[in-house]
Amino acid sequence: MRGSRDYRRQLNTELSGLIEALALPALPKQMLRARWLDQLLWRESRADAARDWYYRLRLTTIIGGVLLPALDSEG
């Protein structure tokens, strides 16, 4: 999980730099950082969690699909 934390930190740094480079007053920049960037990083972490659950369930399905016929043929 260290890699994903480093990625999110890097993403935060890069996008904050892009927000700072915009030709906007300070208040809209602050609002972009506070809401948009926060939501983007939150969605990124939720996407990681959803991907992990998907792979766990997929692995369980594959193992069950292999084991059930093998257990049934022994009986």
PDB file of N, CA and C in Angstrom:
ATOM      1  N   MET A   1       0.806  -1.195   0.000  1.00  0.00           N
ATOM      2  CA  MET A   1       0.000   0.000   0.000  1.00  0.00           C
ATOM      3  C   MET A   1       0.856   1.270   0.000  1.00  0.00           C
ATOM      4  N   ARG A   2       2.133   1.122   0.256  1.00  0.00           N
ATOM      5  CA  ARG A   2       3.021   2.282   0.272  1.00  0.00           C
ATOM      6  C   ARG A   2       3.072   2.942  -1.098  1.00  0.00           C
ATOM      7  N   GLY A   3       3.066   2.142  -2.160  1.00  0.00           N
ATOM      8  CA  GLY A   3       3.122   2.684  -3.503  1.00  0.00           C
ATOM      9  C   GLY A   3       1.928   3.545  -3.833  1.00  0.00           C
ATOM     10  N   SER A   4       0.740   3.108  -3.419  1.00  0.00           N
ATOM     11  CA  SER A   4      -0.457   3.898  -3.712  1.00  0.00           C
ATOM     12  C   SER A   4      -0.463   5.204  -2.905  1.00  0.00           C
ATOM     13  N   ARG A   5       0.077   5.168  -1.688  1.00  0.00           N
ATOM     14  CA  ARG A   5       0.167   6.382  -0.883  1.00  0.00           C
ATOM     15  C   ARG A   5       1.143   7.370  -1.524  1.00  0.00           C
ATOM     16  N   ASP A   6       2.279   6.850  -2.021  1.00  0.00           N
ATOM     17  CA  ASP A   6       3.240   7.705  -2.704  1.00  0.00           C
ATOM     18  C   ASP A   6       2.648   8.279  -3.984  1.00  0.00           C
ATOM     19  N   TYR A   7       1.868   7.467  -4.701  1.00  0.00           N
ATOM     20  CA  TYR A   7       1.233   7.933  -5.929  1.00  0.00           C
ATOM     21  C   TYR A   7       0.247   9.056  -5.626  1.00  0.00           C
ATOM     22  N   ARG A   8      -0.558   8.888  -4.592  1.00  0.00           N
ATOM     23  CA  ARG A   8      -1.523   9.927  -4.238  1.00  0.00           C
ATOM     24  C   ARG A   8      -0.825  11.215  -3.799  1.00  0.00           C
ATOM     25  N   ARG A   9       0.289  11.071  -3.084  1.00  0.00           N
ATOM     26  CA  ARG A   9       1.052  12.254  -2.674  1.00  0.00           C
ATOM     27  C   ARG A   9       1.617  12.969  -3.903  1.00  0.00           C
ATOM     28  N   GLN A  10       2.140  12.184  -4.857  1.00  0.00           N
ATOM     29  CA  GLN A  10       2.670  12.767  -6.088  1.00  0.00           C
ATOM     30  C   GLN A  10       1.560  13.436  -6.895  1.00  0.00           C
ATOM     31  N   LEU A  11       0.416  12.779  -6.996  1.00  0.00           N
ATOM     32  CA  LEU A  11      -0.723  13.347  -7.713  1.00  0.00           C
ATOM     33  C   LEU A  11      -1.172  14.655  -7.068  1.00  0.00           C
ATOM     34  N   ASN A  12      -1.230  14.672  -5.756  1.00  0.00           N
ATOM     35  CA  ASN A  12      -1.605  15.872  -5.019  1.00  0.00           C
ATOM     36  C   ASN A  12      -0.628  17.011  -5.315  1.00  0.00           C
ATOM     37  N   THR A  13       0.660  16.707  -5.298  1.00  0.00           N
ATOM     38  CA  THR A  13       1.675  17.719  -5.552  1.00  0.00           C
ATOM     39  C   THR A  13       1.568  18.266  -6.971  1.00  0.00           C
ATOM     40  N   GLU A  14       1.437  17.370  -7.942  1.00  0.00           N
ATOM     41  CA  GLU A  14       1.367  17.806  -9.341  1.00  0.00           C
ATOM     42  C   GLU A  14       0.114  18.635  -9.614  1.00  0.00           C
ATOM     43  N   LEU A  15      -1.023  18.166  -9.130  1.00  0.00           N
ATOM     44  CA  LEU A  15      -2.262  18.890  -9.390  1.00  0.00           C
ATOM     45  C   LEU A  15      -2.324  20.209  -8.628  1.00  0.00           C
ATOM     46  N   SER A  16      -1.738  20.254  -7.449  1.00  0.00           N
ATOM     47  CA  SER A  16      -1.668  21.517  -6.716  1.00  0.00           C
ATOM     48  C   SER A  16      -0.827  22.530  -7.490  1.00  0.00           C
ATOM     49  N   GLY A  17       0.243  22.042  -8.086  1.00  0.00           N
ATOM     50  CA  GLY A  17       1.075  22.922  -8.910  1.00  0.00           C
ATOM     51  C   GLY A  17       0.321  23.441 -10.120  1.00  0.00           C
ATOM     52  N   LEU A  18      -0.478  22.573 -10.735  1.00  0.00           N
ATOM     53  CA  LEU A  18      -1.272  23.014 -11.882  1.00  0.00           C
ATOM     54  C   LEU A  18      -2.329  24.037 -11.477  1.00  0.00           C
ATOM     55  N   ILE A  19      -2.934  23.826 -10.320  1.00  0.00           N
ATOM     56  CA  ILE A  19      -3.928  24.787  -9.825  1.00  0.00           C
ATOM     57  C   ILE A  19      -3.262  26.134  -9.575  1.00  0.00           C
ATOM     58  N   GLU A  20      -2.067  26.110  -9.000  1.00  0.00           N
ATOM     59  CA  GLU A  20      -1.354  27.362  -8.734  1.00  0.00           C
ATOM     60  C   GLU A  20      -1.005  28.092 -10.030  1.00  0.00           C
ATOM     61  N   ALA A  21      -0.766  27.353 -11.106  1.00  0.00           N
ATOM     62  CA  ALA A  21      -0.381  27.964 -12.385  1.00  0.00           C
ATOM     63  C   ALA A  21      -1.565  28.596 -13.108  1.00  0.00           C
ATOM     64  N   LEU A  22      -2.774  28.316 -12.667  1.00  0.00           N
ATOM     65  CA  LEU A  22      -3.957  28.896 -13.316  1.00  0.00           C
ATOM     66  C   LEU A  22      -4.024  30.404 -13.087  1.00  0.00           C
ATOM     67  N   ALA A  23      -4.545  31.088 -14.073  1.00  0.00           N
ATOM     68  CA  ALA A  23      -4.702  32.539 -13.962  1.00  0.00           C
ATOM     69  C   ALA A  23      -6.044  32.846 -13.299  1.00  0.00           C
ATOM     70  N   LEU A  24      -6.132  32.519 -12.021  1.00  0.00           N
ATOM     71  CA  LEU A  24      -7.351  32.743 -11.247  1.00  0.00           C
ATOM     72  C   LEU A  24      -7.007  33.494  -9.973  1.00  0.00           C
ATOM     73  N   PRO A  25      -7.979  34.187  -9.389  1.00  0.00           N
ATOM     74  CA  PRO A  25      -7.746  34.797  -8.071  1.00  0.00           C
ATOM     75  C   PRO A  25      -7.513  33.707  -7.002  1.00  0.00           C
ATOM     76  N   ALA A  26      -7.079  34.130  -5.851  1.00  0.00           N
ATOM     77  CA  ALA A  26      -6.704  33.193  -4.782  1.00  0.00           C
ATOM     78  C   ALA A  26      -7.894  32.362  -4.291  1.00  0.00           C
ATOM     79  N   LEU A  27      -9.066  32.971  -4.174  1.00  0.00           N
ATOM     80  CA  LEU A  27     -10.225  32.246  -3.637  1.00  0.00           C
ATOM     81  C   LEU A  27     -10.644  31.057  -4.506  1.00  0.00           C
ATOM     82  N   PRO A  28     -10.795  31.219  -5.820  1.00  0.00           N
ATOM     83  CA  PRO A  28     -11.137  30.048  -6.633  1.00  0.00           C
ATOM     84  C   PRO A  28     -10.065  28.959  -6.586  1.00  0.00           C
ATOM     85  N   LYS A  29      -8.800  29.357  -6.515  1.00  0.00           N
ATOM     86  CA  LYS A  29      -7.728  28.357  -6.396  1.00  0.00           C
ATOM     87  C   LYS A  29      -7.872  27.576  -5.089  1.00  0.00           C
ATOM     88  N   GLN A  30      -8.159  28.299  -4.018  1.00  0.00           N
ATOM     89  CA  GLN A  30      -8.333  27.646  -2.721  1.00  0.00           C
ATOM     90  C   GLN A  30      -9.529  26.700  -2.757  1.00  0.00           C
ATOM     91  N   MET A  31     -10.599  27.120  -3.419  1.00  0.00           N
ATOM     92  CA  MET A  31     -11.783  26.268  -3.523  1.00  0.00           C
ATOM     93  C   MET A  31     -11.488  25.026  -4.362  1.00  0.00           C
ATOM     94  N   LEU A  32     -10.731  25.169  -5.434  1.00  0.00           N
ATOM     95  CA  LEU A  32     -10.342  24.015  -6.246  1.00  0.00           C
ATOM     96  C   LEU A  32      -9.540  23.016  -5.417  1.00  0.00           C
ATOM     97  N   ARG A  33      -8.583  23.533  -4.660  1.00  0.00           N
ATOM     98  CA  ARG A  33      -7.776  22.628  -3.832  1.00  0.00           C
ATOM     99  C   ARG A  33      -8.616  21.965  -2.746  1.00  0.00           C
ATOM    100  N   ALA A  34      -9.482  22.730  -2.118  1.00  0.00           N
ATOM    101  CA  ALA A  34     -10.246  22.210  -0.981  1.00  0.00           C
ATOM    102  C   ALA A  34     -11.306  21.197  -1.404  1.00  0.00           C
ATOM    103  N   ARG A  35     -11.984  21.428  -2.510  1.00  0.00           N
ATOM    104  CA  ARG A  35     -13.099  20.549  -2.890  1.00  0.00           C
ATOM    105  C   ARG A  35     -12.741  19.592  -4.015  1.00  0.00           C
ATOM    106  N   TRP A  36     -12.311  20.149  -5.145  1.00  0.00           N
ATOM    107  CA  TRP A  36     -12.087  19.308  -6.317  1.00  0.00           C
ATOM    108  C   TRP A  36     -10.927  18.345  -6.091  1.00  0.00           C
ATOM    109  N   LEU A  37      -9.814  18.865  -5.636  1.00  0.00           N
ATOM    110  CA  LEU A  37      -8.637  18.016  -5.439  1.00  0.00           C
ATOM    111  C   LEU A  37      -8.899  16.989  -4.344  1.00  0.00           C
ATOM    112  N   ASP A  38      -9.565  17.407  -3.275  1.00  0.00           N
ATOM    113  CA  ASP A  38      -9.910  16.486  -2.196  1.00  0.00           C
ATOM    114  C   ASP A  38     -10.805  15.358  -2.713  1.00  0.00           C
ATOM    115  N   GLN A  39     -11.807  15.699  -3.502  1.00  0.00           N
ATOM    116  CA  GLN A  39     -12.710  14.686  -4.058  1.00  0.00           C
ATOM    117  C   GLN A  39     -11.988  13.760  -5.024  1.00  0.00           C
ATOM    118  N   LEU A  40     -11.103  14.313  -5.823  1.00  0.00           N
ATOM    119  CA  LEU A  40     -10.348  13.490  -6.774  1.00  0.00           C
ATOM    120  C   LEU A  40      -9.487  12.461  -6.040  1.00  0.00           C
ATOM    121  N   LEU A  41      -8.812  12.885  -5.003  1.00  0.00           N
ATOM    122  CA  LEU A  41      -7.967  11.965  -4.237  1.00  0.00           C
ATOM    123  C   LEU A  41      -8.818  10.924  -3.500  1.00  0.00           C
ATOM    124  N   TRP A  42      -9.980  11.343  -2.993  1.00  0.00           N
ATOM    125  CA  TRP A  42     -10.873  10.391  -2.326  1.00  0.00           C
ATOM    126  C   TRP A  42     -11.357   9.336  -3.313  1.00  0.00           C
ATOM    127  N   ARG A  43     -11.762   9.770  -4.501  1.00  0.00           N
ATOM    128  CA  ARG A  43     -12.234   8.824  -5.518  1.00  0.00           C
ATOM    129  C   ARG A  43     -11.117   7.879  -5.948  1.00  0.00           C
ATOM    130  N   GLU A  44      -9.914   8.384  -6.001  1.00  0.00           N
ATOM    131  CA  GLU A  44      -8.770   7.544  -6.349  1.00  0.00           C
ATOM    132  C   GLU A  44      -8.599   6.417  -5.325  1.00  0.00           C
ATOM    133  N   SER A  45      -8.721   6.739  -4.041  1.00  0.00           N
ATOM    134  CA  SER A  45      -8.579   5.711  -3.007  1.00  0.00           C
ATOM    135  C   SER A  45      -9.746   4.722  -3.046  1.00  0.00           C
ATOM    136  N   ARG A  46     -10.957   5.214  -3.322  1.00  0.00           N
ATOM    137  CA  ARG A  46     -12.123   4.316  -3.428  1.00  0.00           C
ATOM    138  C   ARG A  46     -11.998   3.404  -4.643  1.00  0.00           C
ATOM    139  N   ALA A  47     -11.448   3.906  -5.725  1.00  0.00           N
ATOM    140  CA  ALA A  47     -11.233   3.080  -6.914  1.00  0.00           C
ATOM    141  C   ALA A  47     -10.232   1.971  -6.607  1.00  0.00           C
ATOM    142  N   ASP A  48      -9.194   2.286  -5.850  1.00  0.00           N
ATOM    143  CA  ASP A  48      -8.230   1.258  -5.447  1.00  0.00           C
ATOM    144  C   ASP A  48      -8.901   0.182  -4.606  1.00  0.00           C
ATOM    145  N   ALA A  49      -9.743   0.593  -3.666  1.00  0.00           N
ATOM    146  CA  ALA A  49     -10.437  -0.365  -2.806  1.00  0.00           C
ATOM    147  C   ALA A  49     -11.403  -1.229  -3.618  1.00  0.00           C
ATOM    148  N   ALA A  50     -12.122  -0.633  -4.556  1.00  0.00           N
ATOM    149  CA  ALA A  50     -13.067  -1.390  -5.386  1.00  0.00           C
ATOM    150  C   ALA A  50     -12.320  -2.391  -6.268  1.00  0.00           C
ATOM    151  N   ARG A  51     -11.180  -1.981  -6.808  1.00  0.00           N
ATOM    152  CA  ARG A  51     -10.370  -2.892  -7.614  1.00  0.00           C
ATOM    153  C   ARG A  51      -9.889  -4.079  -6.781  1.00  0.00           C
ATOM    154  N   ASP A  52      -9.450  -3.824  -5.560  1.00  0.00           N
ATOM    155  CA  ASP A  52      -8.989  -4.903  -4.690  1.00  0.00           C
ATOM    156  C   ASP A  52     -10.117  -5.895  -4.388  1.00  0.00           C
ATOM    157  N   TRP A  53     -11.320  -5.378  -4.085  1.00  0.00           N
ATOM    158  CA  TRP A  53     -12.458  -6.266  -3.834  1.00  0.00           C
ATOM    159  C   TRP A  53     -12.818  -7.081  -5.067  1.00  0.00           C
ATOM    160  N   TYR A  54     -12.763  -6.444  -6.230  1.00  0.00           N
ATOM    161  CA  TYR A  54     -13.071  -7.141  -7.475  1.00  0.00           C
ATOM    162  C   TYR A  54     -12.120  -8.314  -7.671  1.00  0.00           C
ATOM    163  N   TYR A  55     -10.827  -8.096  -7.468  1.00  0.00           N
ATOM    164  CA  TYR A  55      -9.863  -9.185  -7.651  1.00  0.00           C
ATOM    165  C   TYR A  55     -10.026 -10.278  -6.601  1.00  0.00           C
ATOM    166  N   ARG A  56     -10.366  -9.906  -5.368  1.00  0.00           N
ATOM    167  CA  ARG A  56     -10.612 -10.937  -4.342  1.00  0.00           C
ATOM    168  C   ARG A  56     -11.801 -11.813  -4.722  1.00  0.00           C
ATOM    169  N   LEU A  57     -12.895 -11.180  -5.142  1.00  0.00           N
ATOM    170  CA  LEU A  57     -14.082 -11.955  -5.517  1.00  0.00           C
ATOM    171  C   LEU A  57     -13.831 -12.773  -6.777  1.00  0.00           C
ATOM    172  N   ARG A  58     -13.088 -12.230  -7.701  1.00  0.00           N
ATOM    173  CA  ARG A  58     -12.762 -12.959  -8.925  1.00  0.00           C
ATOM    174  C   ARG A  58     -11.925 -14.195  -8.601  1.00  0.00           C
ATOM    175  N   LEU A  59     -10.945 -14.046  -7.722  1.00  0.00           N
ATOM    176  CA  LEU A  59     -10.114 -15.179  -7.320  1.00  0.00           C
ATOM    177  C   LEU A  59     -10.944 -16.236  -6.604  1.00  0.00           C
ATOM    178  N   THR A  60     -11.851 -15.808  -5.742  1.00  0.00           N
ATOM    179  CA  THR A  60     -12.729 -16.749  -5.044  1.00  0.00           C
ATOM    180  C   THR A  60     -13.598 -17.523  -6.034  1.00  0.00           C
ATOM    181  N   THR A  61     -14.107 -16.855  -7.036  1.00  0.00           N
ATOM    182  CA  THR A  61     -14.936 -17.504  -8.048  1.00  0.00           C
ATOM    183  C   THR A  61     -14.132 -18.525  -8.844  1.00  0.00           C
ATOM    184  N   ILE A  62     -12.929 -18.168  -9.209  1.00  0.00           N
ATOM    185  CA  ILE A  62     -12.083 -19.083  -9.985  1.00  0.00           C
ATOM    186  C   ILE A  62     -11.725 -20.310  -9.160  1.00  0.00           C
ATOM    187  N   ILE A  63     -11.341 -20.104  -7.916  1.00  0.00           N
ATOM    188  CA  ILE A  63     -10.979 -21.239  -7.052  1.00  0.00           C
ATOM    189  C   ILE A  63     -12.193 -22.118  -6.815  1.00  0.00           C
ATOM    190  N   GLY A  64     -13.360 -21.498  -6.574  1.00  0.00           N
ATOM    191  CA  GLY A  64     -14.583 -22.285  -6.387  1.00  0.00           C
ATOM    192  C   GLY A  64     -14.951 -23.054  -7.642  1.00  0.00           C
ATOM    193  N   GLY A  65     -14.753 -22.452  -8.811  1.00  0.00           N
ATOM    194  CA  GLY A  65     -15.059 -23.124 -10.069  1.00  0.00           C
ATOM    195  C   GLY A  65     -14.155 -24.311 -10.331  1.00  0.00           C
ATOM    196  N   VAL A  66     -12.961 -24.275  -9.800  1.00  0.00           N
ATOM    197  CA  VAL A  66     -12.029 -25.400  -9.956  1.00  0.00           C
ATOM    198  C   VAL A  66     -12.288 -26.460  -8.888  1.00  0.00           C
ATOM    199  N   LEU A  67     -12.546 -26.055  -7.665  1.00  0.00           N
ATOM    200  CA  LEU A  67     -12.683 -26.988  -6.560  1.00  0.00           C
ATOM    201  C   LEU A  67     -14.027 -27.758  -6.572  1.00  0.00           C
ATOM    202  N   LEU A  68     -15.109 -27.093  -6.892  1.00  0.00           N
ATOM    203  CA  LEU A  68     -16.409 -27.768  -6.829  1.00  0.00           C
ATOM    204  C   LEU A  68     -16.508 -28.986  -7.746  1.00  0.00           C
ATOM    205  N   PRO A  69     -16.119 -28.902  -8.999  1.00  0.00           N
ATOM    206  CA  PRO A  69     -16.163 -30.117  -9.830  1.00  0.00           C
ATOM    207  C   PRO A  69     -15.216 -31.221  -9.317  1.00  0.00           C
ATOM    208  N   ALA A  70     -14.068 -30.801  -8.788  1.00  0.00           N
ATOM    209  CA  ALA A  70     -13.144 -31.791  -8.260  1.00  0.00           C
ATOM    210  C   ALA A  70     -13.718 -32.482  -7.028  1.00  0.00           C
ATOM    211  N   LEU A  71     -14.381 -31.755  -6.161  1.00  0.00           N
ATOM    212  CA  LEU A  71     -14.981 -32.348  -4.974  1.00  0.00           C
ATOM    213  C   LEU A  71     -16.191 -33.204  -5.344  1.00  0.00           C
ATOM    214  N   ASP A  72     -16.936 -32.808  -6.352  1.00  0.00           N
ATOM    215  CA  ASP A  72     -18.112 -33.548  -6.784  1.00  0.00           C
ATOM    216  C   ASP A  72     -17.729 -34.866  -7.451  1.00  0.00           C
ATOM    217  N   SER A  73     -16.635 -34.903  -8.165  1.00  0.00           N
ATOM    218  CA  SER A  73     -16.233 -36.132  -8.865  1.00  0.00           C
ATOM    219  C   SER A  73     -15.707 -37.186  -7.913  1.00  0.00           C
ATOM    220  N   GLU A  74     -15.266 -36.800  -6.724  1.00  0.00           N
ATOM    221  CA  GLU A  74     -14.746 -37.774  -5.768  1.00  0.00           C
ATOM    222  C   GLU A  74     -15.875 -38.574  -5.125  1.00  0.00           C
ATOM    223  N   GLY A  75     -17.049 -38.006  -5.060  1.00  0.00           N
ATOM    224  CA  GLY A  75     -18.164 -38.631  -4.362  1.00  0.00           C
ATOM    225  C   GLY A  75     -18.772 -39.678  -5.169  1.00  0.00           C
TER     226      GLY A  75
END
